Structure formats: C-alpha cells, structure tokens
Amino acid sequence: MFINIATQQCETGGDLYSIYQMMPKGHTYQTFEFTPGTLECKEACLSDDRCQSYNVVMFIAICELNNQTKEARPEDFVVDKDRYFMAKRPQQGNRT
C-alpha cells in the first residue's frame, strides 16, 4: 500500500502532509494497532490536541502518535525505512 508512493514527500490536502521513511525520534507518546485501509490513525491524531504528527509502521499496521514535528525538533527527525511520517500542517498565523 505504501510502496507505490512516487515521491518522498506527499501533499495530502488540507490539514496534513507526509514524508516517506522518516520519523521524529523520541517523541511518541501513544502507540496502537489500527485496521489497514482506514483513517483511524489520522483521526486519532486530529482529535488529540497533544498530537502534532504520527507515524505509520508499514506492513504491521501500528500507529504512533507524536508530540513533535520535524519543524519543532529537526535534530530529532531521522530516517526509518519502516515508517511513514504524517504531520499536521503548521498553522498560518498573523505575525505582528
């Protein structure tokens, strides 16, 4: 399912973006199994204010909710060939 991704970074539209084979190391606060082909992982992250991003562990349908993104902690963003990283799109606020 994730193997057929043509690019390393994918626009998912709206509230999320993704990066193949990357993850924020050390920022997972919840892990659970989900049903492949569903939006359980995405919905869990979007409904939890602590969740800033999530990882899908490919081939075993594990969801990992993270409290950081690559922008917040770029030094912790590492390669992991078994994961697919998804993050909430940064909010565009007014700068004054």
PDB file of N, CA and C in Angstrom:
ATOM      1  N   MET A   1       0.828  -1.187   0.000  1.00  0.00           N
ATOM      2  CA  MET A   1       0.000   0.000   0.000  1.00  0.00           C
ATOM      3  C   MET A   1       0.869   1.246   0.000  1.00  0.00           C
ATOM      4  N   PHE A   2       1.910   1.305   0.841  1.00  0.00           N
ATOM      5  CA  PHE A   2       2.760   2.492   0.879  1.00  0.00           C
ATOM      6  C   PHE A   2       3.925   2.396  -0.107  1.00  0.00           C
ATOM      7  N   ILE A   3       4.185   1.229  -0.628  1.00  0.00           N
ATOM      8  CA  ILE A   3       5.303   1.026  -1.538  1.00  0.00           C
ATOM      9  C   ILE A   3       5.127   1.798  -2.836  1.00  0.00           C
ATOM     10  N   ASN A   4       3.924   1.994  -3.274  1.00  0.00           N
ATOM     11  CA  ASN A   4       3.659   2.621  -4.566  1.00  0.00           C
ATOM     12  C   ASN A   4       3.719   4.138  -4.541  1.00  0.00           C
ATOM     13  N   ILE A   5       4.280   4.707  -3.509  1.00  0.00           N
ATOM     14  CA  ILE A   5       4.360   6.160  -3.411  1.00  0.00           C
ATOM     15  C   ILE A   5       5.468   6.655  -4.337  1.00  0.00           C
ATOM     16  N   ALA A   6       5.122   7.584  -5.203  1.00  0.00           N
ATOM     17  CA  ALA A   6       6.051   8.022  -6.240  1.00  0.00           C
ATOM     18  C   ALA A   6       7.094   9.004  -5.741  1.00  0.00           C
ATOM     19  N   THR A   7       6.776   9.768  -4.715  1.00  0.00           N
ATOM     20  CA  THR A   7       7.715  10.754  -4.220  1.00  0.00           C
ATOM     21  C   THR A   7       7.923  10.568  -2.736  1.00  0.00           C
ATOM     22  N   GLN A   8       8.986  11.157  -2.192  1.00  0.00           N
ATOM     23  CA  GLN A   8       9.241  11.040  -0.771  1.00  0.00           C
ATOM     24  C   GLN A   8       8.350  11.943   0.054  1.00  0.00           C
ATOM     25  N   GLN A   9       7.915  13.034  -0.487  1.00  0.00           N
ATOM     26  CA  GLN A   9       7.017  13.928   0.241  1.00  0.00           C
ATOM     27  C   GLN A   9       5.718  14.036  -0.533  1.00  0.00           C
ATOM     28  N   CYS A  10       4.626  13.968   0.193  1.00  0.00           N
ATOM     29  CA  CYS A  10       3.317  13.908  -0.448  1.00  0.00           C
ATOM     30  C   CYS A  10       2.382  14.926   0.184  1.00  0.00           C
ATOM     31  N   GLU A  11       1.702  15.686  -0.622  1.00  0.00           N
ATOM     32  CA  GLU A  11       0.677  16.596  -0.130  1.00  0.00           C
ATOM     33  C   GLU A  11      -0.615  15.811   0.006  1.00  0.00           C
ATOM     34  N   THR A  12      -1.207  15.791   1.204  1.00  0.00           N
ATOM     35  CA  THR A  12      -2.436  15.043   1.412  1.00  0.00           C
ATOM     36  C   THR A  12      -3.650  15.947   1.367  1.00  0.00           C
ATOM     37  N   GLY A  13      -3.430  17.213   1.182  1.00  0.00           N
ATOM     38  CA  GLY A  13      -4.543  18.151   1.123  1.00  0.00           C
ATOM     39  C   GLY A  13      -4.969  18.587   2.511  1.00  0.00           C
ATOM     40  N   GLY A  14      -5.279  19.853   2.642  1.00  0.00           N
ATOM     41  CA  GLY A  14      -5.840  20.348   3.894  1.00  0.00           C
ATOM     42  C   GLY A  14      -4.904  20.340   5.071  1.00  0.00           C
ATOM     43  N   ASP A  15      -5.155  19.455   6.025  1.00  0.00           N
ATOM     44  CA  ASP A  15      -4.555  19.567   7.338  1.00  0.00           C
ATOM     45  C   ASP A  15      -3.309  18.725   7.580  1.00  0.00           C
ATOM     46  N   LEU A  16      -2.867  17.887   6.643  1.00  0.00           N
ATOM     47  CA  LEU A  16      -1.724  17.008   6.856  1.00  0.00           C
ATOM     48  C   LEU A  16      -0.757  17.031   5.685  1.00  0.00           C
ATOM     49  N   TYR A  17       0.508  16.707   5.959  1.00  0.00           N
ATOM     50  CA  TYR A  17       1.483  16.427   4.917  1.00  0.00           C
ATOM     51  C   TYR A  17       2.273  15.201   5.344  1.00  0.00           C
ATOM     52  N   SER A  18       2.945  14.526   4.431  1.00  0.00           N
ATOM     53  CA  SER A  18       3.617  13.269   4.753  1.00  0.00           C
ATOM     54  C   SER A  18       5.033  13.223   4.190  1.00  0.00           C
ATOM     55  N   ILE A  19       5.863  12.394   4.826  1.00  0.00           N
ATOM     56  CA  ILE A  19       7.225  12.137   4.360  1.00  0.00           C
ATOM     57  C   ILE A  19       7.506  10.648   4.560  1.00  0.00           C
ATOM     58  N   TYR A  20       7.866   9.993   3.491  1.00  0.00           N
ATOM     59  CA  TYR A  20       8.121   8.558   3.486  1.00  0.00           C
ATOM     60  C   TYR A  20       9.483   8.252   4.096  1.00  0.00           C
ATOM     61  N   GLN A  21       9.553   7.244   4.965  1.00  0.00           N
ATOM     62  CA  GLN A  21      10.756   6.714   5.593  1.00  0.00           C
ATOM     63  C   GLN A  21      11.477   7.708   6.510  1.00  0.00           C
ATOM     64  N   MET A  22      10.702   8.517   7.219  1.00  0.00           N
ATOM     65  CA  MET A  22      11.259   9.443   8.206  1.00  0.00           C
ATOM     66  C   MET A  22      10.376   9.421   9.448  1.00  0.00           C
ATOM     67  N   MET A  23      10.941   9.877  10.605  1.00  0.00           N
ATOM     68  CA  MET A  23      10.174   9.954  11.846  1.00  0.00           C
ATOM     69  C   MET A  23      10.877  10.866  12.842  1.00  0.00           C
ATOM     70  N   PRO A  24      10.129  11.485  13.769  1.00  0.00           N
ATOM     71  CA  PRO A  24      10.750  12.242  14.861  1.00  0.00           C
ATOM     72  C   PRO A  24      11.080  11.278  15.999  1.00  0.00           C
ATOM     73  N   LYS A  25      12.348  11.020  16.219  1.00  0.00           N
ATOM     74  CA  LYS A  25      12.789  10.038  17.217  1.00  0.00           C
ATOM     75  C   LYS A  25      12.599  10.563  18.637  1.00  0.00           C
ATOM     76  N   GLY A  26      11.989   9.728  19.495  1.00  0.00           N
ATOM     77  CA  GLY A  26      11.855  10.048  20.907  1.00  0.00           C
ATOM     78  C   GLY A  26      10.663  10.901  21.272  1.00  0.00           C
ATOM     79  N   HIS A  27       9.698  11.061  20.376  1.00  0.00           N
ATOM     80  CA  HIS A  27       8.555  11.933  20.654  1.00  0.00           C
ATOM     81  C   HIS A  27       7.208  11.220  20.563  1.00  0.00           C
ATOM     82  N   THR A  28       7.211   9.889  20.559  1.00  0.00           N
ATOM     83  CA  THR A  28       5.966   9.112  20.517  1.00  0.00           C
ATOM     84  C   THR A  28       5.406   8.986  21.922  1.00  0.00           C
ATOM     85  N   TYR A  29       4.139   9.342  22.102  1.00  0.00           N
ATOM     86  CA  TYR A  29       3.513   9.232  23.419  1.00  0.00           C
ATOM     87  C   TYR A  29       2.395   8.193  23.457  1.00  0.00           C
ATOM     88  N   GLN A  30       1.961   7.681  22.296  1.00  0.00           N
ATOM     89  CA  GLN A  30       0.928   6.647  22.282  1.00  0.00           C
ATOM     90  C   GLN A  30       1.111   5.780  21.048  1.00  0.00           C
ATOM     91  N   THR A  31       0.952   4.462  21.224  1.00  0.00           N
ATOM     92  CA  THR A  31       1.078   3.501  20.135  1.00  0.00           C
ATOM     93  C   THR A  31      -0.126   2.572  20.163  1.00  0.00           C
ATOM     94  N   PHE A  32      -0.699   2.291  18.991  1.00  0.00           N
ATOM     95  CA  PHE A  32      -1.811   1.345  18.933  1.00  0.00           C
ATOM     96  C   PHE A  32      -1.893   0.705  17.551  1.00  0.00           C
ATOM     97  N   GLU A  33      -2.523  -0.467  17.492  1.00  0.00           N
ATOM     98  CA  GLU A  33      -2.780  -1.137  16.227  1.00  0.00           C
ATOM     99  C   GLU A  33      -4.019  -0.518  15.588  1.00  0.00           C
ATOM    100  N   PHE A  34      -4.040  -0.477  14.260  1.00  0.00           N
ATOM    101  CA  PHE A  34      -5.212   0.032  13.556  1.00  0.00           C
ATOM    102  C   PHE A  34      -5.533  -0.883  12.385  1.00  0.00           C
ATOM    103  N   THR A  35      -6.715  -0.742  11.852  1.00  0.00           N
ATOM    104  CA  THR A  35      -7.160  -1.552  10.727  1.00  0.00           C
ATOM    105  C   THR A  35      -6.603  -0.956   9.436  1.00  0.00           C
ATOM    106  N   PRO A  36      -5.795  -1.722   8.683  1.00  0.00           N
ATOM    107  CA  PRO A  36      -5.259  -1.207   7.413  1.00  0.00           C
ATOM    108  C   PRO A  36      -6.373  -0.728   6.489  1.00  0.00           C
ATOM    109  N   GLY A  37      -6.104   0.369   5.797  1.00  0.00           N
ATOM    110  CA  GLY A  37      -7.070   0.918   4.864  1.00  0.00           C
ATOM    111  C   GLY A  37      -8.085   1.860   5.496  1.00  0.00           C
ATOM    112  N   THR A  38      -7.957   2.096   6.802  1.00  0.00           N
ATOM    113  CA  THR A  38      -8.865   3.019   7.480  1.00  0.00           C
ATOM    114  C   THR A  38      -8.137   4.316   7.810  1.00  0.00           C
ATOM    115  N   LEU A  39      -8.873   5.277   8.324  1.00  0.00           N
ATOM    116  CA  LEU A  39      -8.301   6.563   8.727  1.00  0.00           C
ATOM    117  C   LEU A  39      -8.157   6.660  10.245  1.00  0.00           C
ATOM    118  N   GLU A  40      -8.114   5.530  10.941  1.00  0.00           N
ATOM    119  CA  GLU A  40      -8.057   5.525  12.408  1.00  0.00           C
ATOM    120  C   GLU A  40      -6.889   6.335  12.949  1.00  0.00           C
ATOM    121  N   CYS A  41      -5.717   6.170  12.371  1.00  0.00           N
ATOM    122  CA  CYS A  41      -4.520   6.858  12.863  1.00  0.00           C
ATOM    123  C   CYS A  41      -4.658   8.372  12.667  1.00  0.00           C
ATOM    124  N   LYS A  42      -5.041   8.766  11.478  1.00  0.00           N
ATOM    125  CA  LYS A  42      -5.235  10.189  11.175  1.00  0.00           C
ATOM    126  C   LYS A  42      -6.269  10.804  12.101  1.00  0.00           C
ATOM    127  N   GLU A  43      -7.401  10.127  12.253  1.00  0.00           N
ATOM    128  CA  GLU A  43      -8.478  10.651  13.091  1.00  0.00           C
ATOM    129  C   GLU A  43      -8.058  10.755  14.554  1.00  0.00           C
ATOM    130  N   ALA A  44      -7.281   9.781  15.034  1.00  0.00           N
ATOM    131  CA  ALA A  44      -6.801   9.822  16.414  1.00  0.00           C
ATOM    132  C   ALA A  44      -5.903  11.037  16.636  1.00  0.00           C
ATOM    133  N   CYS A  45      -5.025  11.320  15.678  1.00  0.00           N
ATOM    134  CA  CYS A  45      -4.131  12.476  15.810  1.00  0.00           C
ATOM    135  C   CYS A  45      -4.900  13.786  15.722  1.00  0.00           C
ATOM    136  N   LEU A  46      -5.784  13.898  14.743  1.00  0.00           N
ATOM    137  CA  LEU A  46      -6.510  15.151  14.568  1.00  0.00           C
ATOM    138  C   LEU A  46      -7.445  15.461  15.736  1.00  0.00           C
ATOM    139  N   SER A  47      -7.879  14.439  16.459  1.00  0.00           N
ATOM    140  CA  SER A  47      -8.795  14.668  17.575  1.00  0.00           C
ATOM    141  C   SER A  47      -8.080  14.867  18.914  1.00  0.00           C
ATOM    142  N   ASP A  48      -6.756  14.758  18.936  1.00  0.00           N
ATOM    143  CA  ASP A  48      -5.975  14.880  20.172  1.00  0.00           C
ATOM    144  C   ASP A  48      -5.100  16.139  20.089  1.00  0.00           C
ATOM    145  N   ASP A  49      -5.324  17.096  20.981  1.00  0.00           N
ATOM    146  CA  ASP A  49      -4.566  18.350  20.955  1.00  0.00           C
ATOM    147  C   ASP A  49      -3.070  18.145  21.174  1.00  0.00           C
ATOM    148  N   ARG A  50      -2.672  17.093  21.871  1.00  0.00           N
ATOM    149  CA  ARG A  50      -1.243  16.815  22.095  1.00  0.00           C
ATOM    150  C   ARG A  50      -0.552  16.355  20.825  1.00  0.00           C
ATOM    151  N   CYS A  51      -1.300  15.742  19.925  1.00  0.00           N
ATOM    152  CA  CYS A  51      -0.714  15.131  18.728  1.00  0.00           C
ATOM    153  C   CYS A  51      -0.336  16.199  17.703  1.00  0.00           C
ATOM    154  N   GLN A  52       0.939  16.219  17.353  1.00  0.00           N
ATOM    155  CA  GLN A  52       1.432  17.126  16.327  1.00  0.00           C
ATOM    156  C   GLN A  52       1.746  16.394  15.028  1.00  0.00           C
ATOM    157  N   SER A  53       1.969  15.071  15.144  1.00  0.00           N
ATOM    158  CA  SER A  53       2.283  14.240  13.987  1.00  0.00           C
ATOM    159  C   SER A  53       2.063  12.789  14.375  1.00  0.00           C
ATOM    160  N   TYR A  54       2.129  11.907  13.368  1.00  0.00           N
ATOM    161  CA  TYR A  54       2.064  10.485  13.668  1.00  0.00           C
ATOM    162  C   TYR A  54       2.884   9.703  12.659  1.00  0.00           C
ATOM    163  N   ASN A  55       3.265   8.507  13.073  1.00  0.00           N
ATOM    164  CA  ASN A  55       3.989   7.578  12.213  1.00  0.00           C
ATOM    165  C   ASN A  55       3.103   6.369  11.981  1.00  0.00           C
ATOM    166  N   VAL A  56       3.119   5.869  10.767  1.00  0.00           N
ATOM    167  CA  VAL A  56       2.502   4.593  10.460  1.00  0.00           C
ATOM    168  C   VAL A  56       3.654   3.621  10.255  1.00  0.00           C
ATOM    169  N   VAL A  57       3.659   2.535  11.056  1.00  0.00           N
ATOM    170  CA  VAL A  57       4.673   1.498  10.887  1.00  0.00           C
ATOM    171  C   VAL A  57       4.148   0.572   9.804  1.00  0.00           C
ATOM    172  N   MET A  58       4.814   0.597   8.669  1.00  0.00           N
ATOM    173  CA  MET A  58       4.336  -0.123   7.495  1.00  0.00           C
ATOM    174  C   MET A  58       4.362  -1.626   7.708  1.00  0.00           C
ATOM    175  N   PHE A  59       3.463  -2.288   7.055  1.00  0.00           N
ATOM    176  CA  PHE A  59       3.337  -3.740   6.991  1.00  0.00           C
ATOM    177  C   PHE A  59       2.796  -4.380   8.262  1.00  0.00           C
ATOM    178  N   ILE A  60       2.750  -3.657   9.405  1.00  0.00           N
ATOM    179  CA  ILE A  60       2.199  -4.255  10.622  1.00  0.00           C
ATOM    180  C   ILE A  60       1.078  -3.414  11.221  1.00  0.00           C
ATOM    181  N   ALA A  61       0.664  -2.353  10.551  1.00  0.00           N
ATOM    182  CA  ALA A  61      -0.484  -1.521  10.938  1.00  0.00           C
ATOM    183  C   ALA A  61      -0.401  -1.039  12.382  1.00  0.00           C
ATOM    184  N   ILE A  62       0.697  -0.377  12.705  1.00  0.00           N
ATOM    185  CA  ILE A  62       0.879   0.253  14.011  1.00  0.00           C
ATOM    186  C   ILE A  62       0.879   1.761  13.804  1.00  0.00           C
ATOM    187  N   CYS A  63       0.160   2.465  14.666  1.00  0.00           N
ATOM    188  CA  CYS A  63       0.114   3.925  14.648  1.00  0.00           C
ATOM    189  C   CYS A  63       0.854   4.449  15.870  1.00  0.00           C
ATOM    190  N   GLU A  64       1.701   5.450  15.670  1.00  0.00           N
ATOM    191  CA  GLU A  64       2.431   6.090  16.764  1.00  0.00           C
ATOM    192  C   GLU A  64       2.113   7.578  16.748  1.00  0.00           C
ATOM    193  N   LEU A  65       1.491   8.065  17.804  1.00  0.00           N
ATOM    194  CA  LEU A  65       1.187   9.495  17.906  1.00  0.00           C
ATOM    195  C   LEU A  65       2.381  10.208  18.524  1.00  0.00           C
ATOM    196  N   ASN A  66       2.769  11.347  17.933  1.00  0.00           N
ATOM    197  CA  ASN A  66       3.938  12.118  18.374  1.00  0.00           C
ATOM    198  C   ASN A  66       3.527  13.494  18.885  1.00  0.00           C
ATOM    199  N   ASN A  67       4.308  14.002  19.832  1.00  0.00           N
ATOM    200  CA  ASN A  67       4.044  15.341  20.367  1.00  0.00           C
ATOM    201  C   ASN A  67       4.969  16.393  19.756  1.00  0.00           C
ATOM    202  N   GLN A  68       5.650  16.058  18.656  1.00  0.00           N
ATOM    203  CA  GLN A  68       6.532  16.997  17.965  1.00  0.00           C
ATOM    204  C   GLN A  68       6.445  16.784  16.459  1.00  0.00           C
ATOM    205  N   THR A  69       6.961  17.748  15.714  1.00  0.00           N
ATOM    206  CA  THR A  69       7.079  17.647  14.261  1.00  0.00           C
ATOM    207  C   THR A  69       8.535  17.840  13.870  1.00  0.00           C
ATOM    208  N   LYS A  70       8.820  17.681  12.607  1.00  0.00           N
ATOM    209  CA  LYS A  70      10.196  17.889  12.137  1.00  0.00           C
ATOM    210  C   LYS A  70      10.591  19.359  12.235  1.00  0.00           C
ATOM    211  N   GLU A  71       9.626  20.267  12.123  1.00  0.00           N
ATOM    212  CA  GLU A  71       9.933  21.700  12.218  1.00  0.00           C
ATOM    213  C   GLU A  71      10.311  22.092  13.652  1.00  0.00           C
ATOM    214  N   ALA A  72       9.651  21.498  14.629  1.00  0.00           N
ATOM    215  CA  ALA A  72       9.909  21.840  16.028  1.00  0.00           C
ATOM    216  C   ALA A  72      11.245  21.277  16.518  1.00  0.00           C
ATOM    217  N   ARG A  73      11.595  20.086  16.077  1.00  0.00           N
ATOM    218  CA  ARG A  73      12.824  19.415  16.510  1.00  0.00           C
ATOM    219  C   ARG A  73      13.533  18.778  15.313  1.00  0.00           C
ATOM    220  N   PRO A  74      14.090  19.572  14.413  1.00  0.00           N
ATOM    221  CA  PRO A  74      14.714  18.991  13.213  1.00  0.00           C
ATOM    222  C   PRO A  74      15.876  18.052  13.534  1.00  0.00           C
ATOM    223  N   GLU A  75      16.550  18.275  14.652  1.00  0.00           N
ATOM    224  CA  GLU A  75      17.661  17.400  15.022  1.00  0.00           C
ATOM    225  C   GLU A  75      17.198  15.993  15.390  1.00  0.00           C
ATOM    226  N   ASP A  76      15.921  15.824  15.725  1.00  0.00           N
ATOM    227  CA  ASP A  76      15.371  14.518  16.090  1.00  0.00           C
ATOM    228  C   ASP A  76      14.699  13.811  14.912  1.00  0.00           C
ATOM    229  N   PHE A  77      14.640  14.443  13.758  1.00  0.00           N
ATOM    230  CA  PHE A  77      13.979  13.871  12.587  1.00  0.00           C
ATOM    231  C   PHE A  77      14.959  12.953  11.876  1.00  0.00           C
ATOM    232  N   VAL A  78      14.685  11.643  11.918  1.00  0.00           N
ATOM    233  CA  VAL A  78      15.648  10.650  11.439  1.00  0.00           C
ATOM    234  C   VAL A  78      15.025   9.714  10.402  1.00  0.00           C
ATOM    235  N   VAL A  79      15.894   9.048   9.654  1.00  0.00           N
ATOM    236  CA  VAL A  79      15.477   8.056   8.671  1.00  0.00           C
ATOM    237  C   VAL A  79      15.024   6.790   9.396  1.00  0.00           C
ATOM    238  N   ASP A  80      13.907   6.243   8.960  1.00  0.00           N
ATOM    239  CA  ASP A  80      13.434   4.948   9.441  1.00  0.00           C
ATOM    240  C   ASP A  80      12.686   4.290   8.290  1.00  0.00           C
ATOM    241  N   LYS A  81      13.292   3.273   7.688  1.00  0.00           N
ATOM    242  CA  LYS A  81      12.745   2.675   6.473  1.00  0.00           C
ATOM    243  C   LYS A  81      11.392   2.006   6.663  1.00  0.00           C
ATOM    244  N   ASP A  82      10.978   1.756   7.907  1.00  0.00           N
ATOM    245  CA  ASP A  82       9.711   1.084   8.177  1.00  0.00           C
ATOM    246  C   ASP A  82       8.579   2.035   8.541  1.00  0.00           C
ATOM    247  N   ARG A  83       8.820   3.338   8.467  1.00  0.00           N
ATOM    248  CA  ARG A  83       7.804   4.282   8.902  1.00  0.00           C
ATOM    249  C   ARG A  83       7.418   5.273   7.808  1.00  0.00           C
ATOM    250  N   TYR A  84       6.215   5.746   7.955  1.00  0.00           N
ATOM    251  CA  TYR A  84       5.655   6.775   7.086  1.00  0.00           C
ATOM    252  C   TYR A  84       5.187   7.886   8.012  1.00  0.00           C
ATOM    253  N   PHE A  85       5.806   9.048   7.933  1.00  0.00           N
ATOM    254  CA  PHE A  85       5.546  10.172   8.828  1.00  0.00           C
ATOM    255  C   PHE A  85       4.427  11.054   8.275  1.00  0.00           C
ATOM    256  N   MET A  86       3.502  11.425   9.142  1.00  0.00           N
ATOM    257  CA  MET A  86       2.420  12.347   8.786  1.00  0.00           C
ATOM    258  C   MET A  86       2.374  13.447   9.838  1.00  0.00           C
ATOM    259  N   ALA A  87       2.235  14.689   9.418  1.00  0.00           N
ATOM    260  CA  ALA A  87       2.208  15.800  10.373  1.00  0.00           C
ATOM    261  C   ALA A  87       1.080  16.759  10.064  1.00  0.00           C
ATOM    262  N   LYS A  88       0.598  17.380  11.136  1.00  0.00           N
ATOM    263  CA  LYS A  88      -0.373  18.451  10.960  1.00  0.00           C
ATOM    264  C   LYS A  88       0.333  19.609  10.284  1.00  0.00           C
ATOM    265  N   ARG A  89      -0.314  20.196   9.338  1.00  0.00           N
ATOM    266  CA  ARG A  89       0.256  21.333   8.620  1.00  0.00           C
ATOM    267  C   ARG A  89       0.382  22.520   9.581  1.00  0.00           C
ATOM    268  N   PRO A  90       1.536  23.178   9.613  1.00  0.00           N
ATOM    269  CA  PRO A  90       1.692  24.344  10.517  1.00  0.00           C
ATOM    270  C   PRO A  90       0.612  25.381  10.271  1.00  0.00           C
ATOM    271  N   GLN A  91       0.109  25.945  11.351  1.00  0.00           N
ATOM    272  CA  GLN A  91      -0.923  26.987  11.267  1.00  0.00           C
ATOM    273  C   GLN A  91      -0.302  28.261  10.736  1.00  0.00           C
ATOM    274  N   GLN A  92      -0.988  28.903   9.820  1.00  0.00           N
ATOM    275  CA  GLN A  92      -0.544  30.181   9.279  1.00  0.00           C
ATOM    276  C   GLN A  92      -1.196  31.304  10.098  1.00  0.00           C
ATOM    277  N   GLY A  93      -0.444  31.857  10.998  1.00  0.00           N
ATOM    278  CA  GLY A  93      -0.992  32.921  11.845  1.00  0.00           C
ATOM    279  C   GLY A  93      -0.520  34.285  11.416  1.00  0.00           C
ATOM    280  N   ASN A  94      -1.132  35.295  11.946  1.00  0.00           N
ATOM    281  CA  ASN A  94      -0.716  36.654  11.660  1.00  0.00           C
ATOM    282  C   ASN A  94       0.494  36.978  12.507  1.00  0.00           C
ATOM    283  N   ARG A  95       1.536  37.501  11.899  1.00  0.00           N
ATOM    284  CA  ARG A  95       2.738  37.927  12.636  1.00  0.00           C
ATOM    285  C   ARG A  95       2.691  39.422  12.815  1.00  0.00           C
ATOM    286  N   THR A  96       2.751  39.838  14.055  1.00  0.00           N
ATOM    287  CA  THR A  96       2.720  41.277  14.304  1.00  0.00           C
ATOM    288  C   THR A  96       3.909  41.707  15.092  1.00  0.00           C
TER     289      THR A  96
END
